Each structure stands twice: as C-alpha cells, then as structure tokens.
Amino acid sequence: MKGNLKYIVLALSVVATALILWYFKNIVAYILLAVVFSFIGRPVVSLLNKFKYKSFHMPNALSAFITLLTLWAIIVSFFLIFIPLLGNQIQELSKINLQAIQDSLSEPLGKLTSLMNRFELNGKEDISLEQMLERKLLSFLNVSAISSAIGGTVGVMGQIFFAFFAVSFITFFFLKDKQLFAEGILLFVPTQYEEKFESFLHSTKELLTRYFIGILLQVSSITILVTLGMIIVGLKFQLAAVIGLTAGVFNVIPYIGPLIGASIGMILGIANHLHLEFYSELLPLLAFMAIVFAAVQVIDNVVFQPFIYGTSVKAHPLEIFLVIIIAGSFAGIPGMILAIPGYTVIRVFAREFLDRFKLVKKITEKID
C-alpha cells in the first residue's frame, strides 16, 4: 500500500508540474528552445575549450559566446538565402495566367476525367478535374493572401525581438555552464530522488543532443541532395534551391512531411514550366522530379533515419510510428514534430522511476 501511495503522489506531482508549465508556456518555450540550441552547440563549446595557444586558454564564456554567434549566423544566413529565393518564386507565381494552365492541361485532364467517369471515380460531387484544378490553383496562388500574411507579421516584430533576446540570453548561460539547466531542475526535486533525476537528465541530454544534431544533418543533406537532383534534371538553381529547402524543412514532419515537400516541389515545377509542351517536355520533367524525390526518400529511409533513430531514440520502428500517430491525433503537425523527442524524455523518465513495470522494462531495454 505504501508503495502504491508513493506512485500516486509521484503521478499527482507530475500532473501539477504539467499544469504549472502550461500556465507559463511562453517562458517554458523560451527555455526549451534555449535547451535545444545548447544541446546542438555543446559539442562546439567543448571543441573550442580545447583550443590553446602558448599560455592562452580559451575561456568558457568566450567559447559559449562564439558558439552562440555561430548558431545565429547559420540561422540568419539560412533566412537571408531562403527568403529572397522564396520572394522571387512568389513573384513568378503572381505572373501566372490560370487560363494558360487550364489550356495546357485541358487535353490530359479531359482524358483523365473521361477515364474516371467511366469507372465512376468522381464521387458524388459533379465537378470536372479542370474545375478542381482551378480551385486548387486559386487557393495555392492567392498571392494577396500570402502578402497579407507576411504583412501581418510586422505587428508581432516586437514579440519576435523579445523572444530572440530571451532565447539568446538563456542559451548563452546554458552553453557557458552545461550543468546550469540540470542544477535548476534539481532545485525542485526532493533529496531522495536527486540521484535518479541526475541520471535521468544526463541520459536525456545525451540522447536529445544526438537526435537534434542528427535532424540538422538530415535536413541539410536532403536539401543538398534534392537541390542537386533538380539541377541535374534541368531546373534553374534558384528554383532548385527553393524546392530543396522546402523538401528539407518539411522532412522534419514524420511520414507526411516528405509527401508535402514533394507535392509543393512538383507544383512549383509545373508553375515555372508552363511554356513547355505537355507530353514531350513537361511530363518527362515531372517524372524526373518525382524520381529525384523518390531516390532521396530512399536514401533518407535507408541511411539518415536509421542513424538518427538508432543512436538517439533507440526504439522499435512500430513503436515510433504509433507514438507519432497518437501525438498527431492530439496536437496535429506540431505534435508529430515533437513526438520523438517527447517520447524519448518519457522513456528515460520511466526507466528511472517506473522500472518495476514490465512494460517499462520492455520499452526502455535498449537505452544505455
């Protein structure tokens, strides 16, 4: 009975903590983002700390500052490259004549519509593929809506600046003192649980550091591979780079991300090559683009994902799939993105505090 009471108290404590964290979710978000940056930057700090020149030894504070500047330089450079390229594509899309698209695709769409009508695949709604395509293109190419959304961001620039400052400030101290976050957490932990919590925090930090670094390498690699592939099949560099960056960023979303990235890439490919003859030029180009996306996805599944999941999550693929689906049903795409790191934290916590249960022993047996 006493043992059960201990677990009840622990469960209530976890629930109470979760409610408090939700109430202060903005501050928690800044801290968690700073923790992620510190995980990514910690290897750089360790490398810089080893630098010596005669009697000079790199101070830890200077190593942390250089690492922080490097992280922000990479992020800012990404946006400085991506935003102009994206702006050019939006400009090009605004010039597109929807009637020209319909005219160029009317013949193949007409044949496909006839085929669908023959096999009664159109569903209950009496609408042709041309009308459906026009609707989709109108929504996708609604440049005024895009411009309005971009303009709306001006109103939150103050909040963005404060978030930038807050995350940078917190990240610097987490990089400078790698034990600061752990020590802050331990202040709220009862003395009898400190040893287990230290083990929990250490294991979590090691696993998540490898995971986030792996994700960065995965996004970068997919961006480069897709960009090179699109250049090889005949796309201009600017368009290829936008498609590559889009594919890399959306690949962060498990399972559906690659499909979204490929779909956007194919639409951009069509929109920028409407002048081509459909059967002899445009269709082969789309086929080659699809082959590039498929080849990169195979490389991702065979090389990148086993490396990331094998060295960090250490869970069965079916286990990961179920966790992502459950998280997605509760919180949509953000839930799917956070599912794997969140599940990693839960598994390590369960291994330290709930190791008496057979289920916990089974799902945490591969964790070091």
Protein backbone atom coordinates (compact mmCIF):
# COMPACT_ATOMS: atom_id res chain seq x y z
CA MET A 1 0.00 0.00 0.00
CA LYS A 2 2.85 2.32 0.88
CA GLY A 3 4.50 1.61 -2.48
CA ASN A 4 1.27 2.41 -4.35
CA LEU A 5 0.89 5.64 -2.40
CA LYS A 6 4.37 6.68 -3.50
CA TYR A 7 3.43 6.23 -7.16
CA ILE A 8 0.14 8.10 -6.65
CA VAL A 9 1.99 11.04 -5.08
CA LEU A 10 4.52 10.95 -7.91
CA ALA A 11 1.74 10.95 -10.54
CA LEU A 12 -0.04 13.87 -8.86
CA SER A 13 3.23 15.77 -8.69
CA VAL A 14 3.77 15.22 -12.42
CA VAL A 15 0.24 16.44 -13.22
CA ALA A 16 0.66 19.54 -11.02
CA THR A 17 4.00 20.31 -12.65
CA ALA A 18 2.48 19.92 -16.11
CA LEU A 19 -0.30 22.40 -15.25
CA ILE A 20 2.20 24.96 -13.95
CA LEU A 21 4.35 24.59 -17.05
CA TRP A 22 1.28 25.06 -19.26
CA TYR A 23 0.35 28.27 -17.41
CA PHE A 24 3.84 29.68 -18.05
CA LYS A 25 4.08 28.12 -21.51
CA ASN A 26 5.70 31.13 -23.20
CA ILE A 27 8.57 31.24 -20.73
CA VAL A 28 8.86 27.46 -20.88
CA ALA A 29 9.02 27.67 -24.69
CA TYR A 30 11.95 30.11 -24.48
CA ILE A 31 13.78 27.85 -22.05
CA LEU A 32 13.15 24.70 -24.08
CA LEU A 33 14.31 26.40 -27.28
CA ALA A 34 17.44 27.56 -25.45
CA VAL A 35 17.97 23.99 -24.23
CA VAL A 36 17.75 22.68 -27.81
CA PHE A 37 20.28 25.27 -29.00
CA SER A 38 22.57 24.42 -26.11
CA PHE A 39 22.34 20.71 -26.98
CA ILE A 40 23.30 21.49 -30.58
CA GLY A 41 26.05 23.91 -29.59
CA ARG A 42 27.60 21.93 -26.73
CA PRO A 43 29.99 19.92 -28.98
CA VAL A 44 31.25 23.23 -30.46
CA VAL A 45 31.86 24.67 -26.99
CA SER A 46 33.76 21.55 -25.98
CA LEU A 47 35.89 21.79 -29.12
CA LEU A 48 36.66 25.48 -28.57
CA ASN A 49 37.54 24.87 -24.92
CA LYS A 50 40.38 22.60 -26.08
CA PHE A 51 41.98 25.45 -28.03
CA LYS A 52 45.34 26.55 -26.60
CA TYR A 53 47.99 28.91 -27.90
CA LYS A 54 51.11 29.08 -25.73
CA SER A 55 49.80 30.26 -22.35
CA PHE A 56 46.40 31.29 -23.70
CA HIS A 57 43.48 29.00 -22.96
CA MET A 58 40.05 29.70 -24.44
CA PRO A 59 37.75 30.93 -21.61
CA ASN A 60 34.50 29.01 -21.32
CA ALA A 61 32.45 32.23 -21.57
CA LEU A 62 34.19 33.16 -24.85
CA SER A 63 33.61 29.66 -26.24
CA ALA A 64 29.91 29.93 -25.38
CA PHE A 65 29.66 33.39 -26.96
CA ILE A 66 31.38 32.29 -30.19
CA THR A 67 29.13 29.23 -30.37
CA LEU A 68 26.01 31.35 -29.86
CA LEU A 69 27.10 33.76 -32.60
CA THR A 70 27.78 30.79 -34.90
CA LEU A 71 24.32 29.33 -34.30
CA TRP A 72 22.58 32.61 -35.02
CA ALA A 73 24.83 33.26 -38.05
CA ILE A 74 23.74 29.92 -39.52
CA ILE A 75 20.05 30.62 -38.82
CA VAL A 76 20.19 34.21 -40.17
CA SER A 77 22.15 33.08 -43.24
CA PHE A 78 19.51 30.46 -43.92
CA PHE A 79 16.76 33.08 -43.92
CA LEU A 80 18.85 35.58 -45.90
CA ILE A 81 19.26 32.94 -48.60
CA PHE A 82 15.81 31.37 -48.43
CA ILE A 83 13.58 34.47 -48.12
CA PRO A 84 14.83 36.20 -51.33
CA LEU A 85 14.55 32.93 -53.26
CA LEU A 86 11.05 32.41 -51.91
CA GLY A 87 10.18 36.01 -52.72
CA ASN A 88 11.28 35.50 -56.32
CA GLN A 89 9.12 32.41 -56.59
CA ILE A 90 6.09 34.24 -55.17
CA GLN A 91 6.69 36.99 -57.72
CA GLU A 92 6.85 34.43 -60.51
CA LEU A 93 3.68 32.73 -59.28
CA SER A 94 1.85 36.07 -59.26
CA LYS A 95 2.50 36.36 -63.02
CA ILE A 96 0.95 33.01 -63.83
CA ASN A 97 -2.07 33.01 -66.10
CA LEU A 98 -4.55 30.45 -64.77
CA GLN A 99 -6.21 30.26 -68.18
CA ALA A 100 -2.86 29.27 -69.69
CA ILE A 101 -2.56 26.45 -67.16
CA GLN A 102 -6.03 25.20 -67.99
CA ASP A 103 -5.35 25.39 -71.72
CA SER A 104 -2.07 23.49 -71.46
CA LEU A 105 -3.56 20.78 -69.27
CA SER A 106 -7.04 20.61 -70.78
CA GLU A 107 -6.32 17.64 -73.06
CA PRO A 108 -4.69 15.31 -70.48
CA LEU A 109 -7.21 16.34 -67.81
CA GLY A 110 -10.06 15.69 -70.22
CA LYS A 111 -8.79 12.17 -70.89
CA LEU A 112 -8.35 11.53 -67.17
CA THR A 113 -11.86 12.87 -66.44
CA SER A 114 -13.34 10.54 -69.06
CA LEU A 115 -11.49 7.62 -67.54
CA MET A 116 -12.73 8.50 -64.05
CA ASN A 117 -16.31 8.90 -65.31
CA ARG A 118 -16.06 5.53 -66.99
CA PHE A 119 -15.16 3.83 -63.73
CA GLU A 120 -17.38 6.17 -61.63
CA LEU A 121 -14.43 7.52 -59.60
CA ASN A 122 -15.60 11.13 -59.49
CA GLY A 123 -17.64 10.70 -56.32
CA LYS A 124 -20.91 12.45 -55.58
CA GLU A 125 -19.73 15.96 -56.44
CA ASP A 126 -20.35 16.74 -60.10
CA ILE A 127 -17.12 18.60 -60.85
CA SER A 128 -14.54 18.12 -63.58
CA LEU A 129 -10.81 17.80 -62.94
CA GLU A 130 -10.27 21.15 -64.68
CA GLN A 131 -12.62 22.89 -62.23
CA MET A 132 -10.98 21.11 -59.31
CA LEU A 133 -7.52 22.13 -60.56
CA GLU A 134 -8.65 25.74 -60.94
CA ARG A 135 -9.92 25.82 -57.36
CA LYS A 136 -6.68 24.35 -56.01
CA LEU A 137 -4.53 26.73 -58.03
CA LEU A 138 -6.57 29.75 -56.95
CA SER A 139 -6.06 28.84 -53.32
CA PHE A 140 -2.36 27.99 -53.81
CA LEU A 141 -1.57 31.05 -55.93
CA ASN A 142 -3.50 33.50 -53.78
CA VAL A 143 -0.59 35.91 -53.61
CA SER A 144 -2.67 38.64 -51.96
CA ALA A 145 -3.38 36.29 -49.06
CA ILE A 146 0.32 35.46 -48.83
CA SER A 147 1.22 39.14 -48.87
CA SER A 148 -1.39 39.84 -46.20
CA ALA A 149 0.04 37.09 -44.02
CA ILE A 150 3.55 38.47 -44.45
CA GLY A 151 2.32 41.96 -43.66
CA GLY A 152 0.63 40.69 -40.52
CA THR A 153 3.96 39.53 -39.15
CA VAL A 154 5.06 43.16 -38.83
CA GLY A 155 2.67 43.53 -35.91
CA VAL A 156 4.47 40.85 -33.90
CA MET A 157 8.03 42.01 -34.61
CA GLY A 158 8.32 43.30 -31.05
CA GLN A 159 7.45 39.88 -29.66
CA ILE A 160 9.87 38.20 -32.05
CA PHE A 161 12.67 40.56 -30.98
CA PHE A 162 11.97 39.86 -27.30
CA ALA A 163 11.91 36.12 -27.94
CA PHE A 164 15.22 36.40 -29.85
CA PHE A 165 16.82 38.28 -26.96
CA ALA A 166 15.40 35.96 -24.28
CA VAL A 167 16.41 32.74 -26.07
CA SER A 168 19.90 34.12 -26.84
CA PHE A 169 20.43 35.22 -23.22
CA ILE A 170 19.33 31.87 -21.78
CA THR A 171 21.23 29.86 -24.40
CA PHE A 172 24.49 31.68 -23.60
CA PHE A 173 24.37 30.67 -19.94
CA PHE A 174 23.33 27.10 -20.78
CA LEU A 175 26.34 26.88 -23.12
CA LYS A 176 28.65 28.51 -20.60
CA ASP A 177 27.63 26.21 -17.76
CA LYS A 178 26.50 22.81 -19.03
CA GLN A 179 25.18 21.88 -15.56
CA LEU A 180 23.06 25.02 -15.13
CA PHE A 181 19.84 23.56 -16.54
CA ALA A 182 20.23 20.32 -14.57
CA GLU A 183 21.00 22.19 -11.36
CA GLY A 184 17.95 24.39 -11.88
CA ILE A 185 15.71 21.33 -12.28
CA LEU A 186 17.22 19.63 -9.22
CA LEU A 187 16.27 22.60 -7.04
CA PHE A 188 12.65 21.41 -7.29
CA VAL A 189 13.42 17.72 -6.77
CA PRO A 190 13.17 16.08 -3.32
CA THR A 191 16.55 14.98 -1.94
CA GLN A 192 15.71 11.26 -2.07
CA TYR A 193 15.12 11.47 -5.84
CA GLU A 194 18.15 13.60 -6.74
CA GLU A 195 20.39 10.72 -7.81
CA LYS A 196 17.77 9.26 -10.13
CA PHE A 197 16.94 12.69 -11.54
CA GLU A 198 20.62 13.34 -12.27
CA SER A 199 20.78 10.06 -14.17
CA PHE A 200 17.54 10.95 -15.98
CA LEU A 201 18.81 14.40 -17.01
CA HIS A 202 22.20 13.05 -18.12
CA SER A 203 20.69 10.30 -20.29
CA THR A 204 18.10 12.67 -21.75
CA LYS A 205 20.75 15.25 -22.62
CA GLU A 206 22.93 12.67 -24.37
CA LEU A 207 20.06 11.19 -26.38
CA LEU A 208 18.49 14.51 -27.39
CA THR A 209 21.84 16.07 -28.31
CA ARG A 210 22.46 13.24 -30.77
CA TYR A 211 18.85 13.48 -32.00
CA PHE A 212 18.83 17.23 -32.74
CA ILE A 213 22.27 17.17 -34.35
CA GLY A 214 21.08 14.22 -36.45
CA ILE A 215 17.95 16.14 -37.51
CA LEU A 216 20.08 19.12 -38.60
CA LEU A 217 22.33 16.83 -40.64
CA GLN A 218 19.25 15.14 -42.13
CA VAL A 219 17.62 18.44 -43.18
CA SER A 220 20.89 19.75 -44.62
CA SER A 221 21.62 16.53 -46.51
CA ILE A 222 18.12 16.28 -48.00
CA THR A 223 18.22 19.96 -49.01
CA ILE A 224 21.54 19.46 -50.80
CA LEU A 225 20.54 16.18 -52.47
CA VAL A 226 17.17 17.46 -53.73
CA THR A 227 18.74 20.72 -54.95
CA LEU A 228 21.47 18.86 -56.85
CA GLY A 229 18.92 16.42 -58.25
CA MET A 230 16.68 19.21 -59.51
CA ILE A 231 19.64 20.96 -61.15
CA ILE A 232 20.60 17.69 -62.86
CA VAL A 233 17.09 17.22 -64.29
CA GLY A 234 17.20 20.73 -65.77
CA LEU A 235 15.76 23.21 -63.24
CA LYS A 236 17.40 26.59 -62.67
CA PHE A 237 19.45 26.97 -59.50
CA GLN A 238 17.06 29.37 -57.75
CA LEU A 239 14.04 27.14 -58.30
CA ALA A 240 16.03 24.01 -57.42
CA ALA A 241 17.24 25.64 -54.18
CA VAL A 242 13.71 26.64 -53.13
CA ILE A 243 12.42 23.12 -53.81
CA GLY A 244 15.40 21.60 -51.98
CA LEU A 245 14.95 23.84 -48.93
CA THR A 246 11.21 23.15 -48.89
CA ALA A 247 11.79 19.40 -49.04
CA GLY A 248 14.42 19.57 -46.29
CA VAL A 249 12.31 21.66 -43.92
CA PHE A 250 9.11 19.65 -44.40
CA ASN A 251 11.04 16.41 -43.92
CA VAL A 252 11.14 17.27 -40.20
CA ILE A 253 7.45 16.25 -40.10
CA PRO A 254 7.46 12.44 -39.81
CA TYR A 255 5.86 10.39 -42.60
CA ILE A 256 3.70 13.10 -44.22
CA GLY A 257 6.45 15.75 -44.41
CA PRO A 258 8.23 14.25 -47.44
CA LEU A 259 4.90 13.99 -49.30
CA ILE A 260 4.07 17.64 -48.56
CA GLY A 261 7.54 18.78 -49.63
CA ALA A 262 7.39 16.72 -52.84
CA SER A 263 3.87 17.99 -53.66
CA ILE A 264 4.90 21.63 -53.26
CA GLY A 265 8.03 20.97 -55.30
CA MET A 266 6.03 19.40 -58.15
CA ILE A 267 3.56 22.31 -58.15
CA LEU A 268 6.44 24.80 -58.33
CA GLY A 269 7.93 22.74 -61.16
CA ILE A 270 4.67 22.89 -63.13
CA ALA A 271 4.11 26.59 -62.43
CA ASN A 272 7.58 27.55 -63.68
CA HIS A 273 7.46 25.45 -66.87
CA LEU A 274 4.03 26.11 -68.35
CA HIS A 275 5.65 27.16 -71.61
CA LEU A 276 6.75 23.55 -72.24
CA GLU A 277 4.74 21.17 -74.39
CA PHE A 278 2.91 18.82 -72.01
CA TYR A 279 3.57 15.32 -73.39
CA SER A 280 7.05 15.72 -74.84
CA GLU A 281 8.62 18.12 -72.30
CA LEU A 282 6.60 18.90 -69.15
CA LEU A 283 5.51 15.35 -68.35
CA PRO A 284 9.06 13.91 -68.65
CA LEU A 285 10.37 16.75 -66.45
CA LEU A 286 7.79 15.95 -63.76
CA ALA A 287 8.69 12.27 -63.99
CA PHE A 288 12.38 13.06 -63.45
CA MET A 289 11.50 15.33 -60.50
CA ALA A 290 9.43 12.52 -58.98
CA ILE A 291 12.38 10.15 -59.41
CA VAL A 292 14.63 12.64 -57.55
CA PHE A 293 12.17 12.88 -54.64
CA ALA A 294 11.77 9.10 -54.53
CA ALA A 295 15.55 8.48 -54.62
CA VAL A 296 16.22 11.00 -51.85
CA GLN A 297 13.46 9.46 -49.75
CA VAL A 298 15.02 6.01 -50.16
CA ILE A 299 18.38 7.42 -49.03
CA ASP A 300 16.64 9.07 -46.08
CA ASN A 301 14.90 5.84 -45.06
CA VAL A 302 17.98 3.64 -45.52
CA VAL A 303 20.76 5.94 -44.27
CA PHE A 304 19.61 9.03 -42.35
CA GLN A 305 16.65 7.77 -40.28
CA PRO A 306 18.35 4.55 -39.03
CA PHE A 307 21.33 6.67 -37.99
CA ILE A 308 19.20 9.24 -36.14
CA TYR A 309 16.79 6.80 -34.51
CA GLY A 310 19.43 4.16 -33.87
CA THR A 311 21.79 6.47 -31.99
CA SER A 312 19.23 8.58 -30.13
CA VAL A 313 15.70 7.22 -29.78
CA LYS A 314 16.66 3.52 -29.65
CA ALA A 315 13.09 2.35 -30.09
CA HIS A 316 11.34 -0.10 -32.41
CA PRO A 317 10.07 1.45 -35.69
CA LEU A 318 6.50 0.31 -34.93
CA GLU A 319 6.77 1.92 -31.51
CA ILE A 320 7.89 5.20 -33.11
CA PHE A 321 5.07 5.02 -35.68
CA LEU A 322 2.37 4.57 -33.01
CA VAL A 323 3.79 7.39 -30.89
CA ILE A 324 3.82 9.79 -33.86
CA ILE A 325 0.26 8.86 -34.87
CA ILE A 326 -1.03 9.35 -31.32
CA ALA A 327 0.79 12.68 -30.94
CA GLY A 328 -0.53 13.81 -34.32
CA SER A 329 -4.12 12.98 -33.37
CA PHE A 330 -3.82 15.14 -30.23
CA ALA A 331 -1.74 18.07 -31.49
CA GLY A 332 -1.58 17.83 -35.29
CA ILE A 333 1.67 18.54 -37.10
CA PRO A 334 3.37 20.21 -34.07
CA GLY A 335 2.60 17.06 -32.09
CA MET A 336 4.15 14.88 -34.80
CA ILE A 337 7.31 17.01 -34.82
CA LEU A 338 7.66 16.90 -31.01
CA ALA A 339 6.58 13.26 -30.66
CA ILE A 340 10.02 11.64 -30.88
CA PRO A 341 11.95 13.97 -28.51
CA GLY A 342 8.97 13.99 -26.12
CA TYR A 343 8.74 10.21 -26.15
CA THR A 344 12.49 9.98 -25.55
CA VAL A 345 12.14 12.07 -22.39
CA ILE A 346 9.18 10.00 -21.19
CA ARG A 347 11.03 6.71 -21.74
CA VAL A 348 14.12 7.84 -19.85
CA PHE A 349 11.93 9.15 -17.01
CA ALA A 350 10.02 5.86 -16.88
CA ARG A 351 13.26 3.87 -16.81
CA GLU A 352 14.46 5.77 -13.74
CA PHE A 353 11.22 5.97 -11.74
CA LEU A 354 8.85 3.27 -13.02
CA ASP A 355 11.26 0.40 -13.68
CA ARG A 356 9.17 -2.10 -11.69
CA PHE A 357 6.63 -2.39 -14.51
CA LYS A 358 7.26 -5.00 -17.21
CA LEU A 359 6.05 -2.66 -19.97
CA VAL A 360 8.56 -0.01 -18.91
CA LYS A 361 11.37 -2.57 -18.82
CA LYS A 362 10.47 -3.69 -22.33
CA ILE A 363 10.31 -0.25 -23.99
CA THR A 364 13.46 1.04 -22.25
CA GLU A 365 15.69 -2.05 -22.56
CA LYS A 366 17.78 -0.52 -25.38
CA ILE A 367 18.51 2.73 -23.54
CA ASP A 368 22.04 2.83 -22.15
